[in-house]
């Protein structure tokens, strides 16, 4: 007999996470449709922005699965803009006929979209390099760009918030695919990015072969032990030089953020993002960072 309770709980969590991520306000449909105009009104995707001497690199935000360039960053983008960063966000991984829900296409193809977007940002700002900040898939997908598409020459730092760097088991849910004939093939065909993110996938095996990192890039991983989507949470961590793995509860023990919240609303995590972007001026991240 299949463990239905074990199956339904992760499914419910995944659906809830998608709902929270994709529908933060009642106007998200309008915002996503008209994001070219909406985002600059919030201070990001302003191509007239020129990096300051204090923050000489533009920041590119990379959303997660099921999200888009507006909804995933309603918290972090203004936080960075208010600290004098030039901030940009792209949409990637669109499937034909599927509006609003992005990050679902093959991840190697999404990395090509990121490459094009970074080139556009660097041309507009005149900067030599950018910094990347990604949530969930958006914290892992750029590693393909860095490793296989020449991104290491154009990126100073990659900050991953709850990234699935070594895939996920969804608390064991993915192990049940073998019990349903054709399920794995359907997953790969209908939503390639989800199949790519399963622990042990061909995409992740290639990505992590020969080491997690590439020379010349600084890496930061910000994780929460309450992550119910990328499991086990330590699979998010990277090994290699110029890597800092951060567990948010080590900075504030009472932070209860799970997978969605740490990227959407967690100002303690946001403070650590800023520390990663500007380590020379980093300040201690504590529970009080929520009001900083």
C-alpha atoms as a PDB file:
ATOM      1  CA  UNK A   1       0.000   0.000   0.000  1.00  0.00           C
ATOM      2  CA  UNK A   2       1.372   3.392  -0.985  1.00  0.00           C
ATOM      3  CA  UNK A   3       2.042   5.864   1.848  1.00  0.00           C
ATOM      4  CA  UNK A   4      -0.701   8.332   0.857  1.00  0.00           C
ATOM      5  CA  UNK A   5      -0.248  10.609   3.833  1.00  0.00           C
ATOM      6  CA  UNK A   6       3.406  10.970   2.964  1.00  0.00           C
ATOM      7  CA  UNK A   7       2.468  11.705  -0.630  1.00  0.00           C
ATOM      8  CA  UNK A   8      -0.292  14.235   0.020  1.00  0.00           C
ATOM      9  CA  UNK A   9       1.577  16.383   2.518  1.00  0.00           C
ATOM     10  CA  UNK A  10       4.441  17.353   0.156  1.00  0.00           C
ATOM     11  CA  UNK A  11       1.940  17.861  -2.671  1.00  0.00           C
ATOM     12  CA  UNK A  12      -0.077  20.222  -0.496  1.00  0.00           C
ATOM     13  CA  UNK A  13       3.062  22.076   0.490  1.00  0.00           C
ATOM     14  CA  UNK A  14       4.145  22.427  -3.129  1.00  0.00           C
ATOM     15  CA  UNK A  15       0.747  23.783  -4.169  1.00  0.00           C
ATOM     16  CA  UNK A  16       0.673  26.188  -1.241  1.00  0.00           C
ATOM     17  CA  UNK A  17       4.176  27.388  -2.080  1.00  0.00           C
ATOM     18  CA  UNK A  18       3.188  27.962  -5.681  1.00  0.00           C
ATOM     19  CA  UNK A  19       0.068  29.858  -4.605  1.00  0.00           C
ATOM     20  CA  UNK A  20       1.964  32.081  -2.204  1.00  0.00           C
ATOM     21  CA  UNK A  21       4.675  32.742  -4.747  1.00  0.00           C
ATOM     22  CA  UNK A  22       2.472  33.388  -7.735  1.00  0.00           C
ATOM     23  CA  UNK A  23      -0.439  35.283  -6.179  1.00  0.00           C
ATOM     24  CA  UNK A  24       0.924  37.703  -3.578  1.00  0.00           C
ATOM     25  CA  UNK A  25      -1.682  40.324  -4.488  1.00  0.00           C
ATOM     26  CA  UNK A  26      -4.997  40.437  -6.299  1.00  0.00           C
ATOM     27  CA  UNK A  27      -3.360  42.426  -9.097  1.00  0.00           C
ATOM     28  CA  UNK A  28      -0.602  39.968  -9.966  1.00  0.00           C
ATOM     29  CA  UNK A  29      -2.178  39.059 -13.301  1.00  0.00           C
ATOM     30  CA  UNK A  30      -2.140  42.686 -14.395  1.00  0.00           C
ATOM     31  CA  UNK A  31       1.360  43.174 -13.028  1.00  0.00           C
ATOM     32  CA  UNK A  32       2.742  40.119 -14.780  1.00  0.00           C
ATOM     33  CA  UNK A  33       1.093  41.079 -18.075  1.00  0.00           C
ATOM     34  CA  UNK A  34       2.371  44.637 -17.911  1.00  0.00           C
ATOM     35  CA  UNK A  35       5.576  44.087 -15.962  1.00  0.00           C
ATOM     36  CA  UNK A  36       7.669  46.177 -18.340  1.00  0.00           C
ATOM     37  CA  UNK A  37       5.826  49.203 -16.993  1.00  0.00           C
ATOM     38  CA  UNK A  38       5.048  47.929 -13.496  1.00  0.00           C
ATOM     39  CA  UNK A  39       8.550  46.959 -12.456  1.00  0.00           C
ATOM     40  CA  UNK A  40      10.190  50.355 -13.053  1.00  0.00           C
ATOM     41  CA  UNK A  41       7.457  51.985 -10.958  1.00  0.00           C
ATOM     42  CA  UNK A  42       8.733  49.861  -8.081  1.00  0.00           C
ATOM     43  CA  UNK A  43      12.303  50.851  -8.796  1.00  0.00           C
ATOM     44  CA  UNK A  44      13.705  47.886 -10.685  1.00  0.00           C
ATOM     45  CA  UNK A  45      14.210  47.095 -14.376  1.00  0.00           C
ATOM     46  CA  UNK A  46      15.073  50.767 -14.828  1.00  0.00           C
ATOM     47  CA  UNK A  47      17.530  50.661 -17.718  1.00  0.00           C
ATOM     48  CA  UNK A  48      18.546  54.267 -17.119  1.00  0.00           C
ATOM     49  CA  UNK A  49      20.031  53.247 -13.743  1.00  0.00           C
ATOM     50  CA  UNK A  50      23.800  53.588 -13.538  1.00  0.00           C
ATOM     51  CA  UNK A  51      25.677  51.715 -10.792  1.00  0.00           C
ATOM     52  CA  UNK A  52      27.142  53.916  -8.067  1.00  0.00           C
ATOM     53  CA  UNK A  53      30.714  53.930  -6.821  1.00  0.00           C
ATOM     54  CA  UNK A  54      29.495  52.217  -3.653  1.00  0.00           C
ATOM     55  CA  UNK A  55      27.662  49.495  -5.609  1.00  0.00           C
ATOM     56  CA  UNK A  56      29.392  49.276  -8.992  1.00  0.00           C
ATOM     57  CA  UNK A  57      27.675  46.116 -10.225  1.00  0.00           C
ATOM     58  CA  UNK A  58      24.016  45.751 -11.239  1.00  0.00           C
ATOM     59  CA  UNK A  59      22.075  43.001  -9.487  1.00  0.00           C
ATOM     60  CA  UNK A  60      20.097  40.523 -11.576  1.00  0.00           C
ATOM     61  CA  UNK A  61      17.300  38.714  -9.743  1.00  0.00           C
ATOM     62  CA  UNK A  62      16.419  35.211 -10.951  1.00  0.00           C
ATOM     63  CA  UNK A  63      12.985  33.943  -9.896  1.00  0.00           C
ATOM     64  CA  UNK A  64      12.042  30.405  -8.947  1.00  0.00           C
ATOM     65  CA  UNK A  65       9.782  27.730 -10.394  1.00  0.00           C
ATOM     66  CA  UNK A  66       6.156  28.826 -10.964  1.00  0.00           C
ATOM     67  CA  UNK A  67       7.134  32.470 -10.347  1.00  0.00           C
ATOM     68  CA  UNK A  68       7.964  35.491 -12.501  1.00  0.00           C
ATOM     69  CA  UNK A  69      10.064  38.656 -12.493  1.00  0.00           C
ATOM     70  CA  UNK A  70       7.477  40.643 -10.541  1.00  0.00           C
ATOM     71  CA  UNK A  71       5.889  38.452  -7.887  1.00  0.00           C
ATOM     72  CA  UNK A  72       9.045  36.746  -6.644  1.00  0.00           C
ATOM     73  CA  UNK A  73      10.725  40.070  -5.904  1.00  0.00           C
ATOM     74  CA  UNK A  74       8.072  42.314  -4.368  1.00  0.00           C
ATOM     75  CA  UNK A  75      10.078  42.179  -1.132  1.00  0.00           C
ATOM     76  CA  UNK A  76      13.748  41.939  -2.076  1.00  0.00           C
ATOM     77  CA  UNK A  77      13.846  44.221  -5.133  1.00  0.00           C
ATOM     78  CA  UNK A  78      12.669  47.372  -3.293  1.00  0.00           C
ATOM     79  CA  UNK A  79      14.927  46.421  -0.365  1.00  0.00           C
ATOM     80  CA  UNK A  80      17.935  46.522  -2.702  1.00  0.00           C
ATOM     81  CA  UNK A  81      16.798  49.592  -4.651  1.00  0.00           C
ATOM     82  CA  UNK A  82      16.425  51.492  -1.375  1.00  0.00           C
ATOM     83  CA  UNK A  83      20.084  50.670  -0.704  1.00  0.00           C
ATOM     84  CA  UNK A  84      21.191  52.232  -3.988  1.00  0.00           C
ATOM     85  CA  UNK A  85      21.578  49.099  -6.112  1.00  0.00           C
ATOM     86  CA  UNK A  86      20.613  48.980  -9.772  1.00  0.00           C
ATOM     87  CA  UNK A  87      18.264  45.999  -9.834  1.00  0.00           C
ATOM     88  CA  UNK A  88      16.960  43.991 -12.760  1.00  0.00           C
ATOM     89  CA  UNK A  89      14.786  40.882 -13.029  1.00  0.00           C
ATOM     90  CA  UNK A  90      14.027  38.595 -15.951  1.00  0.00           C
ATOM     91  CA  UNK A  91      11.363  36.096 -16.878  1.00  0.00           C
ATOM     92  CA  UNK A  92      12.584  32.705 -18.069  1.00  0.00           C
ATOM     93  CA  UNK A  93      11.433  29.153 -18.656  1.00  0.00           C
ATOM     94  CA  UNK A  94       8.066  29.965 -20.213  1.00  0.00           C
ATOM     95  CA  UNK A  95       6.048  27.098 -21.665  1.00  0.00           C
ATOM     96  CA  UNK A  96       3.779  27.686 -24.697  1.00  0.00           C
ATOM     97  CA  UNK A  97       0.237  28.479 -23.637  1.00  0.00           C
ATOM     98  CA  UNK A  98       1.093  28.759 -19.925  1.00  0.00           C
ATOM     99  CA  UNK A  99       0.799  32.377 -18.697  1.00  0.00           C
ATOM    100  CA  UNK A 100       2.135  33.755 -15.400  1.00  0.00           C
ATOM    101  CA  UNK A 101       3.784  30.466 -14.338  1.00  0.00           C
ATOM    102  CA  UNK A 102       7.403  30.626 -15.444  1.00  0.00           C
ATOM    103  CA  UNK A 103      10.521  28.611 -14.683  1.00  0.00           C
ATOM    104  CA  UNK A 104       9.012  25.434 -16.137  1.00  0.00           C
ATOM    105  CA  UNK A 105      11.034  24.933 -19.330  1.00  0.00           C
ATOM    106  CA  UNK A 106      14.286  22.964 -19.698  1.00  0.00           C
ATOM    107  CA  UNK A 107      16.796  24.537 -17.332  1.00  0.00           C
ATOM    108  CA  UNK A 108      19.673  24.583 -19.828  1.00  0.00           C
ATOM    109  CA  UNK A 109      17.479  26.655 -22.161  1.00  0.00           C
ATOM    110  CA  UNK A 110      16.528  28.946 -19.276  1.00  0.00           C
ATOM    111  CA  UNK A 111      20.235  29.517 -18.648  1.00  0.00           C
ATOM    112  CA  UNK A 112      20.555  30.709 -22.233  1.00  0.00           C
ATOM    113  CA  UNK A 113      17.806  33.252 -21.528  1.00  0.00           C
ATOM    114  CA  UNK A 114      19.738  34.399 -18.467  1.00  0.00           C
ATOM    115  CA  UNK A 115      22.869  34.836 -20.591  1.00  0.00           C
ATOM    116  CA  UNK A 116      20.993  37.082 -23.021  1.00  0.00           C
ATOM    117  CA  UNK A 117      19.493  39.110 -20.189  1.00  0.00           C
ATOM    118  CA  UNK A 118      22.822  39.624 -18.406  1.00  0.00           C
ATOM    119  CA  UNK A 119      24.368  40.886 -21.647  1.00  0.00           C
ATOM    120  CA  UNK A 120      21.473  43.327 -22.011  1.00  0.00           C
ATOM    121  CA  UNK A 121      21.930  44.622 -18.457  1.00  0.00           C
ATOM    122  CA  UNK A 122      25.695  45.008 -18.807  1.00  0.00           C
ATOM    123  CA  UNK A 123      25.284  46.907 -22.062  1.00  0.00           C
ATOM    124  CA  UNK A 124      22.687  49.259 -20.553  1.00  0.00           C
ATOM    125  CA  UNK A 125      24.602  49.950 -17.347  1.00  0.00           C
ATOM    126  CA  UNK A 126      28.128  49.957 -18.739  1.00  0.00           C
ATOM    127  CA  UNK A 127      29.269  47.622 -15.973  1.00  0.00           C
ATOM    128  CA  UNK A 128      31.873  44.943 -16.561  1.00  0.00           C
ATOM    129  CA  UNK A 129      30.239  42.362 -14.304  1.00  0.00           C
ATOM    130  CA  UNK A 130      26.978  41.711 -12.533  1.00  0.00           C
ATOM    131  CA  UNK A 131      25.895  39.982  -9.336  1.00  0.00           C
ATOM    132  CA  UNK A 132      23.155  37.339  -9.460  1.00  0.00           C
ATOM    133  CA  UNK A 133      20.605  36.643  -6.716  1.00  0.00           C
ATOM    134  CA  UNK A 134      18.222  33.741  -7.215  1.00  0.00           C
ATOM    135  CA  UNK A 135      15.473  31.987  -5.282  1.00  0.00           C
ATOM    136  CA  UNK A 136      14.955  28.210  -5.486  1.00  0.00           C
ATOM    137  CA  UNK A 137      15.557  27.116  -9.110  1.00  0.00           C
ATOM    138  CA  UNK A 138      16.767  30.676  -9.689  1.00  0.00           C
ATOM    139  CA  UNK A 139      19.641  30.091  -7.280  1.00  0.00           C
ATOM    140  CA  UNK A 140      20.729  26.919  -9.043  1.00  0.00           C
ATOM    141  CA  UNK A 141      20.032  27.562 -12.741  1.00  0.00           C
ATOM    142  CA  UNK A 142      22.680  30.334 -13.015  1.00  0.00           C
ATOM    143  CA  UNK A 143      25.349  27.754 -12.208  1.00  0.00           C
ATOM    144  CA  UNK A 144      24.739  26.242 -15.659  1.00  0.00           C
ATOM    145  CA  UNK A 145      25.284  29.693 -17.164  1.00  0.00           C
ATOM    146  CA  UNK A 146      28.481  30.139 -15.162  1.00  0.00           C
ATOM    147  CA  UNK A 147      29.859  26.698 -15.975  1.00  0.00           C
ATOM    148  CA  UNK A 148      28.841  26.077 -19.571  1.00  0.00           C
ATOM    149  CA  UNK A 149      27.839  29.396 -21.183  1.00  0.00           C
ATOM    150  CA  UNK A 150      30.729  31.687 -20.303  1.00  0.00           C
ATOM    151  CA  UNK A 151      28.967  33.407 -17.432  1.00  0.00           C
ATOM    152  CA  UNK A 152      31.938  33.260 -15.071  1.00  0.00           C
ATOM    153  CA  UNK A 153      33.604  36.076 -17.023  1.00  0.00           C
ATOM    154  CA  UNK A 154      30.591  38.337 -16.466  1.00  0.00           C
ATOM    155  CA  UNK A 155      29.515  37.477 -12.917  1.00  0.00           C
ATOM    156  CA  UNK A 156      31.180  38.509  -9.676  1.00  0.00           C
ATOM    157  CA  UNK A 157      28.905  36.701  -7.196  1.00  0.00           C
ATOM    158  CA  UNK A 158      25.989  34.280  -7.100  1.00  0.00           C
ATOM    159  CA  UNK A 159      23.690  34.372  -4.080  1.00  0.00           C
ATOM    160  CA  UNK A 160      21.243  31.465  -3.860  1.00  0.00           C
ATOM    161  CA  UNK A 161      18.233  31.699  -1.532  1.00  0.00           C
ATOM    162  CA  UNK A 162      16.982  28.157  -0.873  1.00  0.00           C
ATOM    163  CA  UNK A 163      18.566  26.866  -4.110  1.00  0.00           C
ATOM    164  CA  UNK A 164      18.180  23.243  -5.167  1.00  0.00           C
ATOM    165  CA  UNK A 165      21.837  22.847  -6.045  1.00  0.00           C
ATOM    166  CA  UNK A 166      21.805  19.070  -5.708  1.00  0.00           C
ATOM    167  CA  UNK A 167      18.130  18.528  -6.423  1.00  0.00           C
ATOM    168  CA  UNK A 168      15.268  17.679  -4.150  1.00  0.00           C
ATOM    169  CA  UNK A 169      13.379  14.620  -2.977  1.00  0.00           C
ATOM    170  CA  UNK A 170      10.365  16.703  -1.828  1.00  0.00           C
ATOM    171  CA  UNK A 171      10.484  14.835   1.472  1.00  0.00           C
ATOM    172  CA  UNK A 172      10.592  11.547  -0.440  1.00  0.00           C
ATOM    173  CA  UNK A 173       7.871  12.363  -2.973  1.00  0.00           C
ATOM    174  CA  UNK A 174      10.177  11.973  -5.952  1.00  0.00           C
ATOM    175  CA  UNK A 175      11.030   8.445  -4.863  1.00  0.00           C
ATOM    176  CA  UNK A 176       7.406   7.507  -5.514  1.00  0.00           C
ATOM    177  CA  UNK A 177       7.632   8.238  -9.238  1.00  0.00           C
ATOM    178  CA  UNK A 178       8.819   4.687  -9.914  1.00  0.00           C
ATOM    179  CA  UNK A 179       5.542   3.375  -8.489  1.00  0.00           C
ATOM    180  CA  UNK A 180       3.518   5.123 -11.217  1.00  0.00           C
ATOM    181  CA  UNK A 181       4.307   3.857 -14.731  1.00  0.00           C
ATOM    182  CA  UNK A 182       4.906   6.752 -17.087  1.00  0.00           C
ATOM    183  CA  UNK A 183       4.894   9.388 -14.335  1.00  0.00           C
ATOM    184  CA  UNK A 184       8.540  10.321 -14.781  1.00  0.00           C
ATOM    185  CA  UNK A 185       8.131  10.616 -18.561  1.00  0.00           C
ATOM    186  CA  UNK A 186       5.019  12.769 -18.126  1.00  0.00           C
ATOM    187  CA  UNK A 187       6.849  15.030 -15.672  1.00  0.00           C
ATOM    188  CA  UNK A 188       9.744  15.452 -18.088  1.00  0.00           C
ATOM    189  CA  UNK A 189       7.482  16.156 -21.061  1.00  0.00           C
ATOM    190  CA  UNK A 190       4.952  18.458 -19.387  1.00  0.00           C
ATOM    191  CA  UNK A 191       7.265  20.387 -17.067  1.00  0.00           C
ATOM    192  CA  UNK A 192      10.915  19.786 -17.959  1.00  0.00           C
ATOM    193  CA  UNK A 193      12.255  22.055 -15.209  1.00  0.00           C
ATOM    194  CA  UNK A 194      10.587  19.980 -12.513  1.00  0.00           C
ATOM    195  CA  UNK A 195      12.151  16.815 -13.897  1.00  0.00           C
ATOM    196  CA  UNK A 196      15.538  18.548 -14.080  1.00  0.00           C
ATOM    197  CA  UNK A 197      15.295  19.435 -10.377  1.00  0.00           C
ATOM    198  CA  UNK A 198      14.712  15.911  -9.112  1.00  0.00           C
ATOM    199  CA  UNK A 199      17.734  14.648  -7.179  1.00  0.00           C
ATOM    200  CA  UNK A 200      19.848  12.478  -9.456  1.00  0.00           C
ATOM    201  CA  UNK A 201      18.502  13.915 -12.726  1.00  0.00           C
ATOM    202  CA  UNK A 202      20.714  13.937 -15.807  1.00  0.00           C
ATOM    203  CA  UNK A 203      20.780  17.739 -15.721  1.00  0.00           C
ATOM    204  CA  UNK A 204      22.019  17.909 -12.125  1.00  0.00           C
ATOM    205  CA  UNK A 205      24.502  15.095 -12.646  1.00  0.00           C
ATOM    206  CA  UNK A 206      26.120  17.058 -15.471  1.00  0.00           C
ATOM    207  CA  UNK A 207      25.924  20.349 -13.562  1.00  0.00           C
ATOM    208  CA  UNK A 208      27.709  19.015 -10.486  1.00  0.00           C
ATOM    209  CA  UNK A 209      30.243  16.781 -12.229  1.00  0.00           C
ATOM    210  CA  UNK A 210      33.775  17.945 -11.568  1.00  0.00           C
ATOM    211  CA  UNK A 211      32.836  20.270  -8.730  1.00  0.00           C
ATOM    212  CA  UNK A 212      30.122  22.672  -7.658  1.00  0.00           C
ATOM    213  CA  UNK A 213      31.894  25.931  -8.451  1.00  0.00           C
ATOM    214  CA  UNK A 214      33.920  27.686 -11.128  1.00  0.00           C
ATOM    215  CA  UNK A 215      36.936  29.932 -10.528  1.00  0.00           C
ATOM    216  CA  UNK A 216      36.469  33.671 -10.172  1.00  0.00           C
ATOM    217  CA  UNK A 217      32.944  33.684  -8.749  1.00  0.00           C
ATOM    218  CA  UNK A 218      31.931  34.100  -5.093  1.00  0.00           C
ATOM    219  CA  UNK A 219      29.073  31.866  -3.967  1.00  0.00           C
ATOM    220  CA  UNK A 220      26.660  32.299  -1.073  1.00  0.00           C
ATOM    221  CA  UNK A 221      23.858  29.893  -0.156  1.00  0.00           C
ATOM    222  CA  UNK A 222      21.173  31.049   2.288  1.00  0.00           C
ATOM    223  CA  UNK A 223      19.086  28.122   3.538  1.00  0.00           C
ATOM    224  CA  UNK A 224      16.395  27.432   6.124  1.00  0.00           C
ATOM    225  CA  UNK A 225      16.085  24.210   8.063  1.00  0.00           C
ATOM    226  CA  UNK A 226      12.314  24.461   7.645  1.00  0.00           C
ATOM    227  CA  UNK A 227      12.522  24.126   3.864  1.00  0.00           C
ATOM    228  CA  UNK A 228       9.874  21.642   2.788  1.00  0.00           C
ATOM    229  CA  UNK A 229      10.438  21.953  -0.968  1.00  0.00           C
ATOM    230  CA  UNK A 230      14.207  21.510  -1.333  1.00  0.00           C
ATOM    231  CA  UNK A 231      14.905  18.515   0.853  1.00  0.00           C
ATOM    232  CA  UNK A 232      17.068  17.657   2.594  1.00  0.00           C
ATOM    233  CA  UNK A 233      17.933  21.311   3.127  1.00  0.00           C
ATOM    234  CA  UNK A 234      21.669  20.582   3.305  1.00  0.00           C
ATOM    235  CA  UNK A 235      21.508  19.509  -0.342  1.00  0.00           C
ATOM    236  CA  UNK A 236      21.370  23.232  -1.087  1.00  0.00           C
ATOM    237  CA  UNK A 237      24.926  23.743   0.130  1.00  0.00           C
ATOM    238  CA  UNK A 238      27.878  24.046  -2.216  1.00  0.00           C
ATOM    239  CA  UNK A 239      31.423  22.755  -1.855  1.00  0.00           C
ATOM    240  CA  UNK A 240      34.443  24.561  -3.189  1.00  0.00           C
ATOM    241  CA  UNK A 241      36.542  27.703  -2.855  1.00  0.00           C
ATOM    242  CA  UNK A 242      34.847  31.078  -2.380  1.00  0.00           C
ATOM    243  CA  UNK A 243      31.732  29.446  -0.939  1.00  0.00           C
ATOM    244  CA  UNK A 244      29.766  30.543   2.137  1.00  0.00           C
ATOM    245  CA  UNK A 245      26.858  28.362   3.226  1.00  0.00           C
ATOM    246  CA  UNK A 246      24.492  30.098   5.655  1.00  0.00           C
ATOM    247  CA  UNK A 247      21.686  28.538   7.692  1.00  0.00           C
ATOM    248  CA  UNK A 248      19.310  31.366   8.557  1.00  0.00           C
ATOM    249  CA  UNK A 249      18.502  29.829  11.960  1.00  0.00           C
ATOM    250  CA  UNK A 250      22.190  30.128  12.913  1.00  0.00           C
ATOM    251  CA  UNK A 251      21.725  33.888  12.554  1.00  0.00           C
ATOM    252  CA  UNK A 252      18.275  34.074  14.181  1.00  0.00           C
ATOM    253  CA  UNK A 253      17.063  30.933  15.906  1.00  0.00           C
ATOM    254  CA  UNK A 254      13.421  32.056  15.944  1.00  0.00           C
ATOM    255  CA  UNK A 255      13.251  32.620  12.172  1.00  0.00           C
ATOM    256  CA  UNK A 256      10.589  30.138  11.021  1.00  0.00           C
ATOM    257  CA  UNK A 257      10.724  30.920   7.317  1.00  0.00           C
ATOM    258  CA  UNK A 258      10.203  27.988   4.982  1.00  0.00           C
ATOM    259  CA  UNK A 259      10.970  27.709   1.288  1.00  0.00           C
ATOM    260  CA  UNK A 260       8.671  30.443  -0.032  1.00  0.00           C
ATOM    261  CA  UNK A 261       8.947  32.910   2.840  1.00  0.00           C
ATOM    262  CA  UNK A 262      12.742  33.038   2.918  1.00  0.00           C
ATOM    263  CA  UNK A 263      12.750  34.408  -0.623  1.00  0.00           C
ATOM    264  CA  UNK A 264       9.593  36.503  -0.483  1.00  0.00           C
ATOM    265  CA  UNK A 265       9.470  38.308   2.851  1.00  0.00           C
ATOM    266  CA  UNK A 266      12.377  37.356   5.115  1.00  0.00           C
ATOM    267  CA  UNK A 267      14.276  40.581   5.837  1.00  0.00           C
ATOM    268  CA  UNK A 268      16.835  38.636   7.857  1.00  0.00           C
ATOM    269  CA  UNK A 269      17.679  36.737   4.678  1.00  0.00           C
ATOM    270  CA  UNK A 270      17.589  40.019   2.735  1.00  0.00           C
ATOM    271  CA  UNK A 271      20.180  41.508   5.096  1.00  0.00           C
ATOM    272  CA  UNK A 272      22.414  38.507   4.464  1.00  0.00           C
ATOM    273  CA  UNK A 273      21.954  38.985   0.711  1.00  0.00           C
ATOM    274  CA  UNK A 274      23.301  42.538   1.038  1.00  0.00           C
ATOM    275  CA  UNK A 275      26.242  41.232   3.083  1.00  0.00           C
ATOM    276  CA  UNK A 276      27.001  38.778   0.281  1.00  0.00           C
ATOM    277  CA  UNK A 277      26.798  41.513  -2.362  1.00  0.00           C
ATOM    278  CA  UNK A 278      29.078  43.862  -0.404  1.00  0.00           C
ATOM    279  CA  UNK A 279      31.195  41.760   1.970  1.00  0.00           C
ATOM    280  CA  UNK A 280      33.641  44.612   2.578  1.00  0.00           C
ATOM    281  CA  UNK A 281      30.873  46.498   4.398  1.00  0.00           C
ATOM    282  CA  UNK A 282      28.997  43.543   5.889  1.00  0.00           C
ATOM    283  CA  UNK A 283      27.319  43.979   9.261  1.00  0.00           C
ATOM    284  CA  UNK A 284      26.178  41.210  11.624  1.00  0.00           C
ATOM    285  CA  UNK A 285      22.885  39.567  10.669  1.00  0.00           C
ATOM    286  CA  UNK A 286      20.685  38.978  13.711  1.00  0.00           C
ATOM    287  CA  UNK A 287      16.990  38.789  14.556  1.00  0.00           C
ATOM    288  CA  UNK A 288      17.036  42.594  14.733  1.00  0.00           C
ATOM    289  CA  UNK A 289      17.881  42.709  11.028  1.00  0.00           C
ATOM    290  CA  UNK A 290      14.157  42.351  10.400  1.00  0.00           C
ATOM    291  CA  UNK A 291      13.782  46.051  11.229  1.00  0.00           C
ATOM    292  CA  UNK A 292      16.951  47.174   9.502  1.00  0.00           C
END
